[in-house]
C-alpha atoms as a PDB file:
ATOM      1  CA  MET A   1     -33.859  18.202  12.918  1.00  0.00           C
ATOM      2  CA  THR A   2     -37.246  19.982  13.051  1.00  0.00           C
ATOM      3  CA  ASP A   3     -35.895  23.263  11.667  1.00  0.00           C
ATOM      4  CA  ALA A   4     -37.968  24.267   8.632  1.00  0.00           C
ATOM      5  CA  LYS A   5     -34.890  25.154   6.604  1.00  0.00           C
ATOM      6  CA  TYR A   6     -33.970  21.475   6.371  1.00  0.00           C
ATOM      7  CA  LEU A   7     -37.404  20.651   4.954  1.00  0.00           C
ATOM      8  CA  LYS A   8     -37.164  23.109   2.046  1.00  0.00           C
ATOM      9  CA  ARG A   9     -35.919  20.482  -0.371  1.00  0.00           C
ATOM     10  CA  THR A  10     -35.881  20.483  -4.138  1.00  0.00           C
ATOM     11  CA  ILE A  11     -36.685  16.978  -5.378  1.00  0.00           C
ATOM     12  CA  VAL A  12     -37.397  16.399  -9.063  1.00  0.00           C
ATOM     13  CA  LYS A  13     -39.137  13.248 -10.263  1.00  0.00           C
ATOM     14  CA  GLU A  14     -37.792  11.814 -13.495  1.00  0.00           C
ATOM     15  CA  GLU A  15     -38.753   8.819 -15.614  1.00  0.00           C
ATOM     16  CA  ILE A  16     -36.227   7.062 -17.790  1.00  0.00           C
ATOM     17  CA  GLU A  17     -37.008   4.562 -20.527  1.00  0.00           C
ATOM     18  CA  SER A  18     -34.734   1.527 -20.273  1.00  0.00           C
ATOM     19  CA  ASN A  19     -34.056  -0.802 -23.170  1.00  0.00           C
ATOM     20  CA  TYR A  20     -32.156  -3.153 -20.875  1.00  0.00           C
ATOM     21  CA  LEU A  21     -35.063  -3.492 -18.426  1.00  0.00           C
ATOM     22  CA  ASN A  22     -37.797  -3.092 -21.053  1.00  0.00           C
ATOM     23  CA  GLU A  23     -39.652  -0.610 -18.883  1.00  0.00           C
ATOM     24  CA  LYS A  24     -39.675   2.908 -17.509  1.00  0.00           C
ATOM     25  CA  ARG A  25     -37.865   3.510 -14.235  1.00  0.00           C
ATOM     26  CA  THR A  26     -38.714   6.323 -11.836  1.00  0.00           C
ATOM     27  CA  LEU A  27     -35.936   8.454 -10.354  1.00  0.00           C
ATOM     28  CA  ARG A  28     -35.912  11.038  -7.571  1.00  0.00           C
ATOM     29  CA  VAL A  29     -33.302  13.750  -7.999  1.00  0.00           C
ATOM     30  CA  TYR A  30     -32.373  15.938  -5.028  1.00  0.00           C
ATOM     31  CA  LEU A  31     -30.893  19.311  -5.922  1.00  0.00           C
ATOM     32  CA  PRO A  32     -28.931  21.077  -3.173  1.00  0.00           C
ATOM     33  CA  PRO A  33     -29.702  24.521  -1.698  1.00  0.00           C
ATOM     34  CA  GLY A  34     -28.497  27.234  -4.055  1.00  0.00           C
ATOM     35  CA  TYR A  35     -28.425  24.862  -7.007  1.00  0.00           C
ATOM     36  CA  GLN A  36     -27.127  26.476 -10.206  1.00  0.00           C
ATOM     37  CA  ALA A  37     -27.029  24.785 -13.600  1.00  0.00           C
ATOM     38  CA  TRP A  38     -23.619  26.279 -14.369  1.00  0.00           C
ATOM     39  CA  ILE A  39     -21.943  24.743 -11.286  1.00  0.00           C
ATOM     40  CA  SER A  40     -20.784  21.106 -11.367  1.00  0.00           C
ATOM     41  CA  TYR A  41     -21.669  18.797  -8.481  1.00  0.00           C
ATOM     42  CA  PRO A  42     -20.693  15.441  -6.986  1.00  0.00           C
ATOM     43  CA  VAL A  43     -23.464  12.843  -7.108  1.00  0.00           C
ATOM     44  CA  VAL A  44     -24.718  10.031  -4.887  1.00  0.00           C
ATOM     45  CA  TYR A  45     -26.687   7.248  -6.613  1.00  0.00           C
ATOM     46  CA  CYS A  46     -28.971   5.411  -4.172  1.00  0.00           C
ATOM     47  CA  GLN A  47     -30.466   1.975  -4.705  1.00  0.00           C
ATOM     48  CA  ASP A  48     -33.962   1.609  -3.203  1.00  0.00           C
ATOM     49  CA  GLY A  49     -34.390   5.274  -4.040  1.00  0.00           C
ATOM     50  CA  GLU A  50     -37.889   5.663  -2.630  1.00  0.00           C
ATOM     51  CA  ASP A  51     -36.818   4.184   0.713  1.00  0.00           C
ATOM     52  CA  PHE A  52     -33.692   6.347   0.911  1.00  0.00           C
ATOM     53  CA  PHE A  53     -35.841   9.458   0.528  1.00  0.00           C
ATOM     54  CA  ASN A  54     -38.844   8.382   2.623  1.00  0.00           C
ATOM     55  CA  PHE A  55     -37.298   6.305   5.408  1.00  0.00           C
ATOM     56  CA  GLY A  56     -33.652   7.351   5.207  1.00  0.00           C
ATOM     57  CA  ARG A  57     -34.634  11.048   4.958  1.00  0.00           C
ATOM     58  CA  VAL A  58     -31.553  11.485   2.804  1.00  0.00           C
ATOM     59  CA  ALA A  59     -32.670  14.816   1.295  1.00  0.00           C
ATOM     60  CA  THR A  60     -33.351  16.381   4.691  1.00  0.00           C
ATOM     61  CA  LEU A  61     -30.027  15.097   6.030  1.00  0.00           C
ATOM     62  CA  ALA A  62     -28.231  16.435   2.953  1.00  0.00           C
ATOM     63  CA  ASN A  63     -29.729  19.876   3.532  1.00  0.00           C
ATOM     64  CA  GLN A  64     -28.501  19.808   7.114  1.00  0.00           C
ATOM     65  CA  LEU A  65     -24.974  18.820   6.074  1.00  0.00           C
ATOM     66  CA  ILE A  66     -24.791  21.514   3.394  1.00  0.00           C
ATOM     67  CA  LEU A  67     -26.425  24.319   5.387  1.00  0.00           C
ATOM     68  CA  ASP A  68     -24.952  23.663   8.845  1.00  0.00           C
ATOM     69  CA  GLU A  69     -21.741  21.728   8.306  1.00  0.00           C
ATOM     70  CA  GLU A  70     -20.669  23.448   5.086  1.00  0.00           C
ATOM     71  CA  LEU A  71     -20.356  20.190   3.185  1.00  0.00           C
ATOM     72  CA  GLU A  72     -19.881  20.838  -0.518  1.00  0.00           C
ATOM     73  CA  PRO A  73     -23.302  20.805  -2.258  1.00  0.00           C
ATOM     74  CA  PHE A  74     -24.079  17.547  -4.045  1.00  0.00           C
ATOM     75  CA  ILE A  75     -26.864  15.907  -6.017  1.00  0.00           C
ATOM     76  CA  ILE A  76     -28.637  12.697  -5.001  1.00  0.00           C
ATOM     77  CA  VAL A  77     -30.274  10.330  -7.479  1.00  0.00           C
ATOM     78  CA  GLY A  78     -32.630   7.771  -5.972  1.00  0.00           C
ATOM     79  CA  VAL A  79     -33.338   4.850  -8.298  1.00  0.00           C
ATOM     80  CA  GLU A  80     -36.698   3.319  -7.448  1.00  0.00           C
ATOM     81  CA  VAL A  81     -37.282  -0.422  -7.622  1.00  0.00           C
ATOM     82  CA  ASP A  82     -40.317  -2.670  -7.771  1.00  0.00           C
ATOM     83  CA  LYS A  83     -40.017  -4.729  -4.583  1.00  0.00           C
ATOM     84  CA  LYS A  84     -41.455  -7.750  -6.403  1.00  0.00           C
ATOM     85  CA  VAL A  85     -38.369  -7.958  -8.648  1.00  0.00           C
ATOM     86  CA  ARG A  86     -35.847  -6.372  -6.276  1.00  0.00           C
ATOM     87  CA  THR A  87     -34.005  -9.605  -5.503  1.00  0.00           C
ATOM     88  CA  SER A  88     -33.969 -10.534  -9.186  1.00  0.00           C
ATOM     89  CA  GLU A  89     -32.273  -7.207  -9.995  1.00  0.00           C
ATOM     90  CA  TYR A  90     -30.018  -6.813  -6.982  1.00  0.00           C
ATOM     91  CA  SER A  91     -28.809 -10.386  -6.444  1.00  0.00           C
ATOM     92  CA  PRO A  92     -25.849 -11.375  -8.651  1.00  0.00           C
ATOM     93  CA  VAL A  93     -27.648 -14.633  -9.506  1.00  0.00           C
ATOM     94  CA  GLY A  94     -30.977 -12.943 -10.216  1.00  0.00           C
ATOM     95  CA  GLU A  95     -32.558 -13.177 -13.664  1.00  0.00           C
ATOM     96  CA  ARG A  96     -32.683  -9.399 -14.093  1.00  0.00           C
ATOM     97  CA  HIS A  97     -29.358  -8.618 -12.433  1.00  0.00           C
ATOM     98  CA  GLN A  98     -27.190  -8.164 -15.501  1.00  0.00           C
ATOM     99  CA  SER A  99     -29.873  -6.093 -17.207  1.00  0.00           C
ATOM    100  CA  TYR A 100     -30.054  -3.857 -14.134  1.00  0.00           C
ATOM    101  CA  VAL A 101     -26.285  -3.400 -13.973  1.00  0.00           C
ATOM    102  CA  GLN A 102     -26.159  -2.503 -17.669  1.00  0.00           C
ATOM    103  CA  PHE A 103     -29.091  -0.119 -17.261  1.00  0.00           C
ATOM    104  CA  PHE A 104     -27.202   1.612 -14.476  1.00  0.00           C
ATOM    105  CA  ALA A 105     -23.971   2.024 -16.407  1.00  0.00           C
ATOM    106  CA  HIS A 106     -25.189   2.563 -19.967  1.00  0.00           C
ATOM    107  CA  GLU A 107     -28.528   4.341 -19.550  1.00  0.00           C
ATOM    108  CA  LEU A 108     -28.867   5.901 -16.106  1.00  0.00           C
ATOM    109  CA  ILE A 109     -25.441   7.548 -15.866  1.00  0.00           C
ATOM    110  CA  PRO A 110     -25.560   9.123 -19.364  1.00  0.00           C
ATOM    111  CA  TYR A 111     -29.142  10.285 -18.755  1.00  0.00           C
ATOM    112  CA  ILE A 112     -28.343  12.010 -15.455  1.00  0.00           C
ATOM    113  CA  GLU A 113     -25.031  13.472 -16.616  1.00  0.00           C
ATOM    114  CA  GLY A 114     -26.702  14.734 -19.787  1.00  0.00           C
ATOM    115  CA  LYS A 115     -29.450  16.512 -17.868  1.00  0.00           C
ATOM    116  CA  TYR A 116     -27.712  17.738 -14.702  1.00  0.00           C
ATOM    117  CA  PRO A 117     -24.292  19.341 -14.129  1.00  0.00           C
ATOM    118  CA  ILE A 118     -22.666  16.238 -12.678  1.00  0.00           C
ATOM    119  CA  ARG A 119     -18.907  15.857 -12.414  1.00  0.00           C
ATOM    120  CA  SER A 120     -17.688  12.842 -14.311  1.00  0.00           C
ATOM    121  CA  ASP A 121     -14.517  12.104 -12.327  1.00  0.00           C
ATOM    122  CA  LEU A 122     -14.441   8.958 -10.199  1.00  0.00           C
ATOM    123  CA  ASP A 123     -14.050  10.799  -6.897  1.00  0.00           C
ATOM    124  CA  SER A 124     -17.318  12.637  -7.514  1.00  0.00           C
ATOM    125  CA  ARG A 125     -19.512   9.542  -8.013  1.00  0.00           C
ATOM    126  CA  ILE A 126     -20.773   7.499  -5.057  1.00  0.00           C
ATOM    127  CA  LEU A 127     -22.985   4.421  -4.964  1.00  0.00           C
ATOM    128  CA  ALA A 128     -25.132   3.805  -1.877  1.00  0.00           C
ATOM    129  CA  GLY A 129     -27.403   0.977  -0.826  1.00  0.00           C
ATOM    130  CA  ASP A 130     -28.928  -0.913   2.069  1.00  0.00           C
ATOM    131  CA  SER A 131     -28.917  -4.707   2.394  1.00  0.00           C
ATOM    132  CA  LEU A 132     -29.078  -6.118  -1.177  1.00  0.00           C
ATOM    133  CA  GLY A 133     -28.768  -2.519  -2.347  1.00  0.00           C
ATOM    134  CA  GLY A 134     -25.363  -2.388  -0.699  1.00  0.00           C
ATOM    135  CA  SER A 135     -24.151  -5.564  -2.351  1.00  0.00           C
ATOM    136  CA  VAL A 136     -25.510  -4.650  -5.796  1.00  0.00           C
ATOM    137  CA  SER A 137     -23.654  -1.343  -5.516  1.00  0.00           C
ATOM    138  CA  VAL A 138     -20.452  -3.343  -5.092  1.00  0.00           C
ATOM    139  CA  HIS A 139     -21.283  -5.531  -8.085  1.00  0.00           C
ATOM    140  CA  ILE A 140     -21.913  -2.473 -10.258  1.00  0.00           C
ATOM    141  CA  ALA A 141     -18.540  -1.052  -9.229  1.00  0.00           C
ATOM    142  CA  LEU A 142     -16.791  -4.370  -9.897  1.00  0.00           C
ATOM    143  CA  GLN A 143     -18.180  -4.523 -13.419  1.00  0.00           C
ATOM    144  CA  TYR A 144     -17.619  -0.835 -14.148  1.00  0.00           C
ATOM    145  CA  PRO A 145     -14.554   0.352 -12.218  1.00  0.00           C
ATOM    146  CA  ASN A 146     -14.157   3.059 -14.850  1.00  0.00           C
ATOM    147  CA  LEU A 147     -17.387   4.582 -13.491  1.00  0.00           C
ATOM    148  CA  PHE A 148     -17.431   3.835  -9.758  1.00  0.00           C
ATOM    149  CA  GLN A 149     -14.904   3.388  -6.995  1.00  0.00           C
ATOM    150  CA  ASN A 150     -16.827   4.700  -3.940  1.00  0.00           C
ATOM    151  CA  VAL A 151     -19.510   2.568  -2.251  1.00  0.00           C
ATOM    152  CA  ILE A 152     -21.675   3.139   0.839  1.00  0.00           C
ATOM    153  CA  SER A 153     -22.864  -0.238   2.132  1.00  0.00           C
ATOM    154  CA  LEU A 154     -25.481  -0.218   4.898  1.00  0.00           C
ATOM    155  CA  SER A 155     -25.722  -3.769   6.241  1.00  0.00           C
ATOM    156  CA  GLY A 156     -24.823  -5.224   2.863  1.00  0.00           C
ATOM    157  CA  ALA A 157     -26.379  -8.585   1.960  1.00  0.00           C
ATOM    158  CA  TYR A 158     -23.138 -10.377   1.146  1.00  0.00           C
ATOM    159  CA  TYR A 159     -24.416 -13.880   0.555  1.00  0.00           C
ATOM    160  CA  PRO A 160     -21.939 -16.577  -0.585  1.00  0.00           C
ATOM    161  CA  ASP A 161     -22.557 -15.814  -4.272  1.00  0.00           C
ATOM    162  CA  SER A 162     -21.505 -12.210  -3.729  1.00  0.00           C
ATOM    163  CA  GLN A 163     -18.519 -13.214  -1.629  1.00  0.00           C
ATOM    164  CA  SER A 164     -17.305 -15.594  -4.343  1.00  0.00           C
ATOM    165  CA  ILE A 165     -17.520 -12.875  -7.002  1.00  0.00           C
ATOM    166  CA  ILE A 166     -15.604 -10.418  -4.821  1.00  0.00           C
ATOM    167  CA  ALA A 167     -12.997 -13.044  -3.900  1.00  0.00           C
ATOM    168  CA  ALA A 168     -12.346 -13.725  -7.592  1.00  0.00           C
ATOM    169  CA  GLU A 169     -10.968 -10.186  -7.964  1.00  0.00           C
ATOM    170  CA  PRO A 170      -7.162 -10.205  -7.600  1.00  0.00           C
ATOM    171  CA  ASP A 171      -6.742  -6.486  -6.916  1.00  0.00           C
ATOM    172  CA  LEU A 172      -9.294  -4.076  -5.429  1.00  0.00           C
ATOM    173  CA  SER A 173      -6.870  -1.337  -4.446  1.00  0.00           C
ATOM    174  CA  TRP A 174      -8.983   1.113  -6.457  1.00  0.00           C
ATOM    175  CA  LEU A 175     -12.146   0.445  -4.419  1.00  0.00           C
ATOM    176  CA  ARG A 176     -13.217   2.539  -1.420  1.00  0.00           C
ATOM    177  CA  LEU A 177     -15.993   1.345   0.880  1.00  0.00           C
ATOM    178  CA  TYR A 178     -17.877   2.578   3.914  1.00  0.00           C
ATOM    179  CA  MET A 179     -19.442  -0.496   5.544  1.00  0.00           C
ATOM    180  CA  ILE A 180     -21.652  -0.536   8.615  1.00  0.00           C
ATOM    181  CA  VAL A 181     -23.671  -3.347  10.166  1.00  0.00           C
ATOM    182  CA  GLY A 182     -25.801  -3.604  13.304  1.00  0.00           C
ATOM    183  CA  LEU A 183     -24.720  -5.989  16.033  1.00  0.00           C
ATOM    184  CA  GLN A 184     -28.306  -7.187  16.388  1.00  0.00           C
ATOM    185  CA  GLU A 185     -28.351  -8.273  12.722  1.00  0.00           C
ATOM    186  CA  ASP A 186     -27.086 -11.731  13.569  1.00  0.00           C
ATOM    187  CA  VAL A 187     -30.552 -13.223  12.964  1.00  0.00           C
ATOM    188  CA  VAL A 188     -32.153 -11.431  10.009  1.00  0.00           C
ATOM    189  CA  VAL A 189     -35.341 -12.920   8.584  1.00  0.00           C
ATOM    190  CA  THR A 190     -35.636 -12.445   4.811  1.00  0.00           C
ATOM    191  CA  ASP A 191     -38.039 -13.750   2.181  1.00  0.00           C
ATOM    192  CA  HIS A 192     -35.634 -16.598   1.416  1.00  0.00           C
ATOM    193  CA  GLY A 193     -34.294 -17.569   4.826  1.00  0.00           C
ATOM    194  CA  THR A 194     -32.744 -16.366   8.080  1.00  0.00           C
ATOM    195  CA  PHE A 195     -29.150 -15.127   7.971  1.00  0.00           C
ATOM    196  CA  ASP A 196     -26.328 -13.722  10.085  1.00  0.00           C
ATOM    197  CA  PHE A 197     -25.534 -10.364   8.480  1.00  0.00           C
ATOM    198  CA  VAL A 198     -22.853  -9.566  11.052  1.00  0.00           C
ATOM    199  CA  THR A 199     -20.794 -12.556   9.947  1.00  0.00           C
ATOM    200  CA  PHE A 200     -21.557 -11.814   6.284  1.00  0.00           C
ATOM    201  CA  ASN A 201     -20.156  -8.310   6.660  1.00  0.00           C
ATOM    202  CA  ARG A 202     -17.141  -9.286   8.753  1.00  0.00           C
ATOM    203  CA  ASP A 203     -16.142 -11.990   6.293  1.00  0.00           C
ATOM    204  CA  THR A 204     -16.680  -9.736   3.284  1.00  0.00           C
ATOM    205  CA  ARG A 205     -14.673  -6.951   4.887  1.00  0.00           C
ATOM    206  CA  ASP A 206     -11.791  -9.396   5.231  1.00  0.00           C
ATOM    207  CA  ILE A 207     -12.127 -10.393   1.569  1.00  0.00           C
ATOM    208  CA  PHE A 208     -11.978  -6.734   0.555  1.00  0.00           C
ATOM    209  CA  LEU A 209      -8.967  -6.028   2.771  1.00  0.00           C
ATOM    210  CA  ALA A 210      -7.092  -9.087   1.477  1.00  0.00           C
ATOM    211  CA  ARG A 211      -7.398  -7.554  -2.001  1.00  0.00           C
ATOM    212  CA  SER A 212      -6.169  -4.129  -0.845  1.00  0.00           C
ATOM    213  CA  ALA A 213      -9.506  -2.303  -0.942  1.00  0.00           C
ATOM    214  CA  SER A 214      -9.838   0.737   1.321  1.00  0.00           C
ATOM    215  CA  VAL A 215     -12.509  -0.152   3.880  1.00  0.00           C
ATOM    216  CA  HIS A 216     -14.011   2.024   6.615  1.00  0.00           C
ATOM    217  CA  TYR A 217     -15.841  -0.604   8.676  1.00  0.00           C
ATOM    218  CA  LEU A 218     -18.160  -0.086  11.651  1.00  0.00           C
ATOM    219  CA  GLU A 219     -20.262  -2.306  13.882  1.00  0.00           C
ATOM    220  CA  ARG A 220     -22.828  -0.572  16.079  1.00  0.00           C
ATOM    221  CA  ASP A 221     -25.892  -1.534  18.070  1.00  0.00           C
ATOM    222  CA  GLY A 222     -28.740  -1.752  15.607  1.00  0.00           C
ATOM    223  CA  GLN A 223     -31.115  -3.935  13.665  1.00  0.00           C
ATOM    224  CA  HIS A 224     -31.770  -4.456   9.953  1.00  0.00           C
ATOM    225  CA  VAL A 225     -34.082  -1.444   9.677  1.00  0.00           C
ATOM    226  CA  TRP A 226     -34.046   2.119   8.357  1.00  0.00           C
ATOM    227  CA  GLY A 227     -34.210   3.469  11.899  1.00  0.00           C
ATOM    228  CA  PHE A 228     -30.655   2.180  12.324  1.00  0.00           C
ATOM    229  CA  TRP A 229     -29.264   3.114   8.910  1.00  0.00           C
ATOM    230  CA  GLN A 230     -30.679   6.645   8.924  1.00  0.00           C
ATOM    231  CA  GLN A 231     -28.495   7.571  11.900  1.00  0.00           C
ATOM    232  CA  TYR A 232     -25.321   6.908   9.924  1.00  0.00           C
ATOM    233  CA  ILE A 233     -26.204   8.409   6.545  1.00  0.00           C
ATOM    234  CA  PRO A 234     -24.598  11.786   7.455  1.00  0.00           C
ATOM    235  CA  ASP A 235     -21.300  10.110   8.406  1.00  0.00           C
ATOM    236  CA  THR A 236     -21.250   8.030   5.220  1.00  0.00           C
ATOM    237  CA  LEU A 237     -21.797  11.122   3.074  1.00  0.00           C
ATOM    238  CA  LYS A 238     -19.146  13.123   4.901  1.00  0.00           C
ATOM    239  CA  HIS A 239     -16.701  10.249   4.491  1.00  0.00           C
ATOM    240  CA  PHE A 240     -16.734  10.619   0.718  1.00  0.00           C
ATOM    241  CA  LEU A 241     -17.725  14.267   0.252  1.00  0.00           C
ATOM    242  CA  LYS A 242     -15.547  15.995   2.851  1.00  0.00           C
END
């Protein structure tokens, strides 16, 4: 992964004004090798955008997949978040949650699709997130199934509130998920308590399956850190972009 060709990445910084959030939000947009404005591309929208690019190395991994494994070129949009309000935006019971979800659907998507040659079909849009970013990706899809049906969930934070919302859905046959959790995530210390993310993910997988969602589920040795998640980003992308 030290080859210089993987490090020649085109990443554009954008700033979008949000009426729902009453602020500007920074975006990082990865454009694939050979990018042409007249070609349409699939897109991956990442929560915790700064972390996906800095710690997940998602742009470098995307270059490797496109250049070496001939994966179809795609665009990545990393949506940055202020860590001080992250839980408020990502948790379904957070004060800013609904505003964030509406920002995503009604402002972010039109902005990106108006500026970049993004395909608008459901198969070409993917949501990705780690921890609370994984669960908020599910909540966005649940509220806007006309926009999203593909979700990458890296150790999703499926607390009881999230599980109840998912369980209230009678039919999730339209939803496709790639879920992975580390076996050493059974004691995860967060800013609001210590939790068993392995059980959270197992139970939530079962809720999804009982409602006919398509779930690719993995448990591997790993902790609740980017060093674990980064290893599996290529497989998650190939799962949806093959």
